[in-house]
PDB file of N, CA and C in Angstrom:
ATOM      1  N   MET A   1       1.070  -0.995   0.299  1.00  0.00           N
ATOM      2  CA  MET A   1       0.162   0.139   0.206  1.00  0.00           C
ATOM      3  C   MET A   1       1.066   1.200   0.239  1.00  0.00           C
ATOM      4  N   ALA A   2       0.529   2.198  -1.178  1.00  0.00           N
ATOM      5  CA  ALA A   2       1.130   3.327  -0.820  1.00  0.00           C
ATOM      6  C   ALA A   2       1.078   4.367   0.253  1.00  0.00           C
ATOM      7  N   GLN A   3       2.157   5.040   1.029  1.00  0.00           N
ATOM      8  CA  GLN A   3       2.404   5.741   2.287  1.00  0.00           C
ATOM      9  C   GLN A   3       2.289   7.167   1.332  1.00  0.00           C
ATOM     10  N   THR A   4       2.068   7.899   2.449  1.00  0.00           N
ATOM     11  CA  THR A   4       1.533   9.648   1.973  1.00  0.00           C
ATOM     12  C   THR A   4       2.204  10.403   3.518  1.00  0.00           C
ATOM     13  N   ASN A   5       2.795  11.349   3.750  1.00  0.00           N
ATOM     14  CA  ASN A   5       2.639  12.202   4.609  1.00  0.00           C
ATOM     15  C   ASN A   5       1.635  12.887   4.943  1.00  0.00           C
ATOM     16  N   VAL A   6       1.215  13.375   6.327  1.00  0.00           N
ATOM     17  CA  VAL A   6       0.255  14.267   7.058  1.00  0.00           C
ATOM     18  C   VAL A   6       0.751  15.049   7.921  1.00  0.00           C
ATOM     19  N   ASN A   7       0.567  16.314   7.365  1.00  0.00           N
ATOM     20  CA  ASN A   7       1.540  17.220   8.623  1.00  0.00           C
ATOM     21  C   ASN A   7       0.192  17.797   9.570  1.00  0.00           C
ATOM     22  N   ILE A   8       0.578  18.231  10.725  1.00  0.00           N
ATOM     23  CA  ILE A   8      -0.376  18.134  11.691  1.00  0.00           C
ATOM     24  C   ILE A   8       0.262  19.502  12.860  1.00  0.00           C
ATOM     25  N   ARG A   9      -0.612  20.486  12.950  1.00  0.00           N
ATOM     26  CA  ARG A   9      -0.021  21.338  13.881  1.00  0.00           C
ATOM     27  C   ARG A   9      -0.870  21.013  15.183  1.00  0.00           C
ATOM     28  N   MET A  10       0.069  21.135  16.643  1.00  0.00           N
ATOM     29  CA  MET A  10      -0.581  20.974  17.752  1.00  0.00           C
ATOM     30  C   MET A  10       0.522  22.014  18.846  1.00  0.00           C
ATOM     31  N   ASP A  11      -0.001  21.874  19.804  1.00  0.00           N
ATOM     32  CA  ASP A  11       0.671  22.584  20.607  1.00  0.00           C
ATOM     33  C   ASP A  11       2.034  21.884  21.114  1.00  0.00           C
ATOM     34  N   GLU A  12       3.048  22.358  20.978  1.00  0.00           N
ATOM     35  CA  GLU A  12       4.134  22.006  21.604  1.00  0.00           C
ATOM     36  C   GLU A  12       4.480  20.990  22.656  1.00  0.00           C
ATOM     37  N   GLU A  13       3.630  21.481  23.808  1.00  0.00           N
ATOM     38  CA  GLU A  13       3.789  20.792  25.135  1.00  0.00           C
ATOM     39  C   GLU A  13       2.975  19.254  24.766  1.00  0.00           C
ATOM     40  N   LEU A  14       1.815  19.539  24.326  1.00  0.00           N
ATOM     41  CA  LEU A  14       0.653  18.625  24.009  1.00  0.00           C
ATOM     42  C   LEU A  14       1.529  17.430  23.113  1.00  0.00           C
ATOM     43  N   LYS A  15       2.482  18.143  22.416  1.00  0.00           N
ATOM     44  CA  LYS A  15       3.263  17.128  21.220  1.00  0.00           C
ATOM     45  C   LYS A  15       3.768  16.038  22.200  1.00  0.00           C
ATOM     46  N   LYS A  16       4.859  16.748  23.219  1.00  0.00           N
ATOM     47  CA  LYS A  16       5.647  15.879  23.849  1.00  0.00           C
ATOM     48  C   LYS A  16       4.979  15.261  24.871  1.00  0.00           C
ATOM     49  N   GLN A  17       3.895  15.705  25.648  1.00  0.00           N
ATOM     50  CA  GLN A  17       3.256  14.755  26.257  1.00  0.00           C
ATOM     51  C   GLN A  17       2.383  13.607  25.604  1.00  0.00           C
ATOM     52  N   PHE A  18       2.456  13.773  24.297  1.00  0.00           N
ATOM     53  CA  PHE A  18       1.609  12.693  23.786  1.00  0.00           C
ATOM     54  C   PHE A  18       2.631  11.749  22.965  1.00  0.00           C
ATOM     55  N   ASP A  19       4.183  12.137  22.606  1.00  0.00           N
ATOM     56  CA  ASP A  19       4.921  11.436  22.150  1.00  0.00           C
ATOM     57  C   ASP A  19       5.748  10.474  23.525  1.00  0.00           C
ATOM     58  N   LYS A  20       5.355  10.722  24.862  1.00  0.00           N
ATOM     59  CA  LYS A  20       5.477  10.168  25.747  1.00  0.00           C
ATOM     60  C   LYS A  20       4.488   9.054  26.028  1.00  0.00           C
ATOM     61  N   PHE A  21       3.371   9.735  26.214  1.00  0.00           N
ATOM     62  CA  PHE A  21       2.445   8.570  26.158  1.00  0.00           C
ATOM     63  C   PHE A  21       2.811   7.396  25.292  1.00  0.00           C
ATOM     64  N   CYS A  22       2.756   7.861  23.856  1.00  0.00           N
ATOM     65  CA  CYS A  22       3.080   6.882  23.037  1.00  0.00           C
ATOM     66  C   CYS A  22       3.937   5.756  23.122  1.00  0.00           C
ATOM     67  N   SER A  23       5.270   6.503  23.453  1.00  0.00           N
ATOM     68  CA  SER A  23       6.302   5.608  23.834  1.00  0.00           C
ATOM     69  C   SER A  23       6.009   4.699  24.729  1.00  0.00           C
ATOM     70  N   ASP A  24       5.462   5.352  25.878  1.00  0.00           N
ATOM     71  CA  ASP A  24       5.116   4.453  27.024  1.00  0.00           C
ATOM     72  C   ASP A  24       4.359   3.224  26.847  1.00  0.00           C
ATOM     73  N   ILE A  25       3.445   3.308  26.160  1.00  0.00           N
ATOM     74  CA  ILE A  25       2.701   2.055  25.314  1.00  0.00           C
ATOM     75  C   ILE A  25       3.420   1.285  24.311  1.00  0.00           C
ATOM     76  N   GLY A  26       4.565   1.927  24.070  1.00  0.00           N
ATOM     77  CA  GLY A  26       5.306   1.034  22.750  1.00  0.00           C
ATOM     78  C   GLY A  26       4.701   0.967  21.314  1.00  0.00           C
ATOM     79  N   MET A  27       4.456   2.323  21.209  1.00  0.00           N
ATOM     80  CA  MET A  27       4.204   2.813  19.773  1.00  0.00           C
ATOM     81  C   MET A  27       4.590   4.275  19.365  1.00  0.00           C
ATOM     82  N   THR A  28       5.384   4.555  18.090  1.00  0.00           N
ATOM     83  CA  THR A  28       5.221   5.846  17.647  1.00  0.00           C
ATOM     84  C   THR A  28       3.838   6.970  17.794  1.00  0.00           C
ATOM     85  N   MET A  29       3.911   7.732  17.892  1.00  0.00           N
ATOM     86  CA  MET A  29       2.889   8.918  17.117  1.00  0.00           C
ATOM     87  C   MET A  29       2.267   8.871  16.298  1.00  0.00           C
ATOM     88  N   THR A  30       3.108   8.562  14.920  1.00  0.00           N
ATOM     89  CA  THR A  30       2.450   8.032  13.772  1.00  0.00           C
ATOM     90  C   THR A  30       1.803   6.737  13.954  1.00  0.00           C
ATOM     91  N   THR A  31       2.092   5.710  14.604  1.00  0.00           N
ATOM     92  CA  THR A  31       0.950   4.498  14.383  1.00  0.00           C
ATOM     93  C   THR A  31      -0.192   4.748  15.558  1.00  0.00           C
ATOM     94  N   ALA A  32       0.005   5.600  16.283  1.00  0.00           N
ATOM     95  CA  ALA A  32      -1.337   6.025  17.240  1.00  0.00           C
ATOM     96  C   ALA A  32      -2.204   6.471  16.084  1.00  0.00           C
ATOM     97  N   ILE A  33      -1.794   7.447  15.772  1.00  0.00           N
ATOM     98  CA  ILE A  33      -2.503   8.360  14.842  1.00  0.00           C
ATOM     99  C   ILE A  33      -3.172   7.330  13.389  1.00  0.00           C
ATOM    100  N   CYS A  34      -2.243   6.442  13.000  1.00  0.00           N
ATOM    101  CA  CYS A  34      -3.003   5.476  11.919  1.00  0.00           C
ATOM    102  C   CYS A  34      -4.241   4.712  12.689  1.00  0.00           C
ATOM    103  N   VAL A  35      -3.774   4.226  14.294  1.00  0.00           N
ATOM    104  CA  VAL A  35      -4.725   3.220  14.767  1.00  0.00           C
ATOM    105  C   VAL A  35      -6.144   4.117  14.742  1.00  0.00           C
ATOM    106  N   PHE A  36      -6.077   5.504  15.171  1.00  0.00           N
ATOM    107  CA  PHE A  36      -7.235   6.217  15.120  1.00  0.00           C
ATOM    108  C   PHE A  36      -7.898   6.794  14.320  1.00  0.00           C
ATOM    109  N   ALA A  37      -7.086   6.640  12.844  1.00  0.00           N
ATOM    110  CA  ALA A  37      -7.456   6.776  11.588  1.00  0.00           C
ATOM    111  C   ALA A  37      -8.538   5.808  11.071  1.00  0.00           C
ATOM    112  N   LYS A  38      -7.880   4.662  11.240  1.00  0.00           N
ATOM    113  CA  LYS A  38      -8.716   3.229  10.858  1.00  0.00           C
ATOM    114  C   LYS A  38     -10.237   2.984  11.626  1.00  0.00           C
ATOM    115  N   LYS A  39      -9.594   3.176  13.176  1.00  0.00           N
ATOM    116  CA  LYS A  39     -10.918   3.320  13.798  1.00  0.00           C
ATOM    117  C   LYS A  39     -11.785   3.921  13.473  1.00  0.00           C
ATOM    118  N   ALA A  40     -11.761   5.322  13.185  1.00  0.00           N
ATOM    119  CA  ALA A  40     -12.717   5.995  13.002  1.00  0.00           C
ATOM    120  C   ALA A  40     -13.439   5.765  11.390  1.00  0.00           C
ATOM    121  N   VAL A  41     -12.346   5.282  10.325  1.00  0.00           N
ATOM    122  CA  VAL A  41     -12.980   4.855   9.323  1.00  0.00           C
ATOM    123  C   VAL A  41     -14.038   3.688   8.983  1.00  0.00           C
ATOM    124  N   LYS A  42     -13.345   2.983  10.009  1.00  0.00           N
ATOM    125  CA  LYS A  42     -14.331   1.620   9.995  1.00  0.00           C
ATOM    126  C   LYS A  42     -15.622   1.540  10.580  1.00  0.00           C
ATOM    127  N   GLU A  43     -15.645   2.397  11.843  1.00  0.00           N
ATOM    128  CA  GLU A  43     -16.841   2.784  12.564  1.00  0.00           C
ATOM    129  C   GLU A  43     -17.701   3.775  11.960  1.00  0.00           C
ATOM    130  N   GLN A  44     -17.122   4.739  11.270  1.00  0.00           N
ATOM    131  CA  GLN A  44     -17.620   5.926  10.678  1.00  0.00           C
ATOM    132  C   GLN A  44     -18.201   6.949  11.802  1.00  0.00           C
ATOM    133  N   LYS A  45     -16.897   7.241  12.463  1.00  0.00           N
ATOM    134  CA  LYS A  45     -17.254   8.048  13.979  1.00  0.00           C
ATOM    135  C   LYS A  45     -16.267   8.446  14.413  1.00  0.00           C
ATOM    136  N   ILE A  46     -16.149   9.329  15.242  1.00  0.00           N
ATOM    137  CA  ILE A  46     -14.944   9.267  15.885  1.00  0.00           C
ATOM    138  C   ILE A  46     -15.028   8.224  17.120  1.00  0.00           C
ATOM    139  N   PRO A  47     -13.842   7.298  17.359  1.00  0.00           N
ATOM    140  CA  PRO A  47     -14.019   6.468  18.408  1.00  0.00           C
ATOM    141  C   PRO A  47     -13.740   6.630  19.756  1.00  0.00           C
ATOM    142  N   PHE A  48     -14.407   7.844  20.019  1.00  0.00           N
ATOM    143  CA  PHE A  48     -14.788   8.161  21.348  1.00  0.00           C
ATOM    144  C   PHE A  48     -15.458   9.004  21.664  1.00  0.00           C
ATOM    145  N   GLU A  49     -16.209   9.209  22.885  1.00  0.00           N
ATOM    146  CA  GLU A  49     -17.163  10.411  23.160  1.00  0.00           C
ATOM    147  C   GLU A  49     -16.146  11.645  23.455  1.00  0.00           C
ATOM    148  N   ILE A  50     -17.224  12.948  22.604  1.00  0.00           N
ATOM    149  CA  ILE A  50     -16.179  14.173  22.976  1.00  0.00           C
ATOM    150  C   ILE A  50     -17.608  15.215  23.249  1.00  0.00           C
ATOM    151  N   THR A  51     -17.338  15.561  24.560  1.00  0.00           N
ATOM    152  CA  THR A  51     -17.876  16.648  25.157  1.00  0.00           C
ATOM    153  C   THR A  51     -17.598  17.514  25.582  1.00  0.00           C
ATOM    154  N   ALA A  52     -18.343  18.629  25.608  1.00  0.00           N
ATOM    155  CA  ALA A  52     -17.971  19.908  25.848  1.00  0.00           C
ATOM    156  C   ALA A  52     -18.041  20.373  27.535  1.00  0.00           C
ATOM    157  N   ASP A  53     -17.197  20.778  27.798  1.00  0.00           N
ATOM    158  CA  ASP A  53     -16.887  21.056  29.452  1.00  0.00           C
ATOM    159  C   ASP A  53     -18.016  22.731  29.555  1.00  0.00           C
ATOM    160  N   PRO A  54     -18.834  22.626  30.070  1.00  0.00           N
ATOM    161  CA  PRO A  54     -20.135  23.891  29.683  1.00  0.00           C
ATOM    162  C   PRO A  54     -19.184  24.915  30.420  1.00  0.00           C
ATOM    163  N   PHE A  55     -18.546  24.736  31.610  1.00  0.00           N
ATOM    164  CA  PHE A  55     -17.584  26.117  32.378  1.00  0.00           C
ATOM    165  C   PHE A  55     -16.640  26.529  30.998  1.00  0.00           C
ATOM    166  N   TYR A  56     -16.373  26.268  29.815  1.00  0.00           N
ATOM    167  CA  TYR A  56     -15.793  26.557  29.108  1.00  0.00           C
ATOM    168  C   TYR A  56     -16.257  26.713  27.530  1.00  0.00           C
ATOM    169  N   SER A  57     -17.662  26.610  27.777  1.00  0.00           N
ATOM    170  CA  SER A  57     -18.506  27.314  26.725  1.00  0.00           C
ATOM    171  C   SER A  57     -18.379  28.583  26.391  1.00  0.00           C
ATOM    172  N   THR A  58     -18.346  29.080  25.186  1.00  0.00           N
ATOM    173  CA  THR A  58     -18.472  30.036  24.370  1.00  0.00           C
ATOM    174  C   THR A  58     -19.199  31.252  25.475  1.00  0.00           C
ATOM    175  N   ALA A  59     -20.489  30.996  25.465  1.00  0.00           N
ATOM    176  CA  ALA A  59     -21.362  31.658  25.925  1.00  0.00           C
ATOM    177  C   ALA A  59     -21.061  31.802  27.848  1.00  0.00           C
ATOM    178  N   ASN A  60     -20.373  30.925  28.492  1.00  0.00           N
ATOM    179  CA  ASN A  60     -19.923  31.463  29.488  1.00  0.00           C
ATOM    180  C   ASN A  60     -18.612  32.056  29.607  1.00  0.00           C
ATOM    181  N   ILE A  61     -17.967  31.834  28.770  1.00  0.00           N
ATOM    182  CA  ILE A  61     -16.725  32.934  28.434  1.00  0.00           C
ATOM    183  C   ILE A  61     -16.961  34.368  28.566  1.00  0.00           C
ATOM    184  N   LYS A  62     -18.495  34.551  27.516  1.00  0.00           N
ATOM    185  CA  LYS A  62     -18.462  35.949  27.719  1.00  0.00           C
ATOM    186  C   LYS A  62     -19.085  36.634  28.329  1.00  0.00           C
ATOM    187  N   ARG A  63     -19.970  35.840  29.054  1.00  0.00           N
ATOM    188  CA  ARG A  63     -20.324  36.505  30.375  1.00  0.00           C
ATOM    189  C   ARG A  63     -19.377  36.389  31.648  1.00  0.00           C
ATOM    190  N   LEU A  64     -18.466  35.840  31.594  1.00  0.00           N
ATOM    191  CA  LEU A  64     -17.171  35.930  32.377  1.00  0.00           C
ATOM    192  C   LEU A  64     -16.819  37.171  31.917  1.00  0.00           C
ATOM    193  N   GLU A  65     -16.076  37.415  30.581  1.00  0.00           N
ATOM    194  CA  GLU A  65     -15.339  38.960  30.120  1.00  0.00           C
ATOM    195  C   GLU A  65     -16.243  39.712  30.234  1.00  0.00           C
ATOM    196  N   LYS A  66     -17.791  39.995  30.127  1.00  0.00           N
ATOM    197  CA  LYS A  66     -18.283  41.094  30.521  1.00  0.00           C
ATOM    198  C   LYS A  66     -18.052  41.562  31.669  1.00  0.00           C
ATOM    199  N   ALA A  67     -18.510  40.455  32.560  1.00  0.00           N
ATOM    200  CA  ALA A  67     -18.507  40.462  34.223  1.00  0.00           C
ATOM    201  C   ALA A  67     -17.171  41.267  34.875  1.00  0.00           C
ATOM    202  N   ILE A  68     -15.960  40.797  34.311  1.00  0.00           N
ATOM    203  CA  ILE A  68     -14.960  41.299  34.680  1.00  0.00           C
ATOM    204  C   ILE A  68     -14.470  42.691  34.170  1.00  0.00           C
ATOM    205  N   SER A  69     -15.338  42.847  33.027  1.00  0.00           N
ATOM    206  CA  SER A  69     -15.440  44.188  32.197  1.00  0.00           C
ATOM    207  C   SER A  69     -15.965  45.483  32.707  1.00  0.00           C
ATOM    208  N   ASP A  70     -17.416  45.041  33.513  1.00  0.00           N
ATOM    209  CA  ASP A  70     -18.356  45.632  34.299  1.00  0.00           C
ATOM    210  C   ASP A  70     -17.424  46.168  35.797  1.00  0.00           C
ATOM    211  N   LEU A  71     -16.934  45.390  36.051  1.00  0.00           N
ATOM    212  CA  LEU A  71     -16.367  45.662  36.683  1.00  0.00           C
ATOM    213  C   LEU A  71     -15.151  46.767  36.939  1.00  0.00           C
ATOM    214  N   ASP A  72     -14.267  46.194  36.250  1.00  0.00           N
ATOM    215  CA  ASP A  72     -13.221  47.242  35.644  1.00  0.00           C
ATOM    216  C   ASP A  72     -13.363  48.438  35.797  1.00  0.00           C
ATOM    217  N   ASN A  73     -14.803  48.581  35.078  1.00  0.00           N
ATOM    218  CA  ASN A  73     -15.502  49.863  34.671  1.00  0.00           C
ATOM    219  C   ASN A  73     -16.356  50.826  35.567  1.00  0.00           C
ATOM    220  N   GLY A  74     -16.577  50.157  36.945  1.00  0.00           N
ATOM    221  CA  GLY A  74     -17.129  50.357  38.302  1.00  0.00           C
ATOM    222  C   GLY A  74     -18.430  50.041  38.162  1.00  0.00           C
ATOM    223  N   LYS A  75     -18.973  48.816  37.239  1.00  0.00           N
ATOM    224  CA  LYS A  75     -20.275  48.769  37.250  1.00  0.00           C
ATOM    225  C   LYS A  75     -20.503  47.102  38.001  1.00  0.00           C
ATOM    226  N   GLY A  76     -21.759  47.403  38.605  1.00  0.00           N
ATOM    227  CA  GLY A  76     -21.650  45.851  39.509  1.00  0.00           C
ATOM    228  C   GLY A  76     -20.832  45.712  40.788  1.00  0.00           C
ATOM    229  N   SER A  77     -21.095  45.183  41.539  1.00  0.00           N
ATOM    230  CA  SER A  77     -20.521  44.927  42.996  1.00  0.00           C
ATOM    231  C   SER A  77     -19.706  43.636  43.036  1.00  0.00           C
ATOM    232  N   LYS A  78     -18.578  43.690  43.798  1.00  0.00           N
ATOM    233  CA  LYS A  78     -17.913  42.550  44.149  1.00  0.00           C
ATOM    234  C   LYS A  78     -18.468  42.010  45.730  1.00  0.00           C
ATOM    235  N   HIS A  79     -18.445  40.864  45.674  1.00  0.00           N
ATOM    236  CA  HIS A  79     -18.761  39.839  46.829  1.00  0.00           C
ATOM    237  C   HIS A  79     -17.535  39.191  47.379  1.00  0.00           C
ATOM    238  N   GLU A  80     -17.435  39.145  48.644  1.00  0.00           N
ATOM    239  CA  GLU A  80     -16.875  38.297  49.231  1.00  0.00           C
ATOM    240  C   GLU A  80     -16.941  37.210  49.474  1.00  0.00           C
ATOM    241  N   LEU A  81     -15.998  36.095  49.384  1.00  0.00           N
ATOM    242  CA  LEU A  81     -16.343  34.535  49.535  1.00  0.00           C
ATOM    243  C   LEU A  81     -16.589  34.244  51.068  1.00  0.00           C
ATOM    244  N   ILE A  82     -17.455  33.489  51.098  1.00  0.00           N
ATOM    245  CA  ILE A  82     -17.526  33.254  53.059  1.00  0.00           C
ATOM    246  C   ILE A  82     -17.451  31.545  52.796  1.00  0.00           C
ATOM    247  N   GLU A  83     -16.269  31.265  53.515  1.00  0.00           N
ATOM    248  CA  GLU A  83     -16.368  29.617  53.450  1.00  0.00           C
ATOM    249  C   GLU A  83     -16.951  29.021  54.548  1.00  0.00           C
ATOM    250  N   VAL A  84     -17.389  28.159  54.369  1.00  0.00           N
ATOM    251  CA  VAL A  84     -18.744  27.467  54.873  1.00  0.00           C
ATOM    252  C   VAL A  84     -18.213  25.987  55.518  1.00  0.00           C
ATOM    253  N   LYS A  85     -18.176  25.694  56.687  1.00  0.00           N
ATOM    254  CA  LYS A  85     -17.556  24.352  57.090  1.00  0.00           C
ATOM    255  C   LYS A  85     -18.574  23.362  57.413  1.00  0.00           C
ATOM    256  N   ASP A  86     -18.466  22.499  57.165  1.00  0.00           N
ATOM    257  CA  ASP A  86     -19.640  21.405  57.103  1.00  0.00           C
ATOM    258  C   ASP A  86     -19.333  20.947  58.685  1.00  0.00           C
ATOM    259  N   GLU A  87     -20.650  20.415  59.263  1.00  0.00           N
ATOM    260  CA  GLU A  87     -20.593  20.032  60.863  1.00  0.00           C
ATOM    261  C   GLU A  87     -21.146  18.498  60.798  1.00  0.00           C
TER     262      GLU A  87
END
């Protein structure tokens, strides 16, 4: 079977961590990505569940940015965090 090159971009630290992970399980990054591709093609889906962390949703981030901006501009109010101990 003919081979081809695929170039991808990823965060440098993620690449280092992924490379170490692949090495730890006895395969190269190329092999791991090929395993992923073969499974995705065979199953016709991403072979694992992908979910979004609601905390990092675009809507929540925009609300947080607006709240910070409002506070920086003297709008709104700050509240003190009170720690409650379980009895």
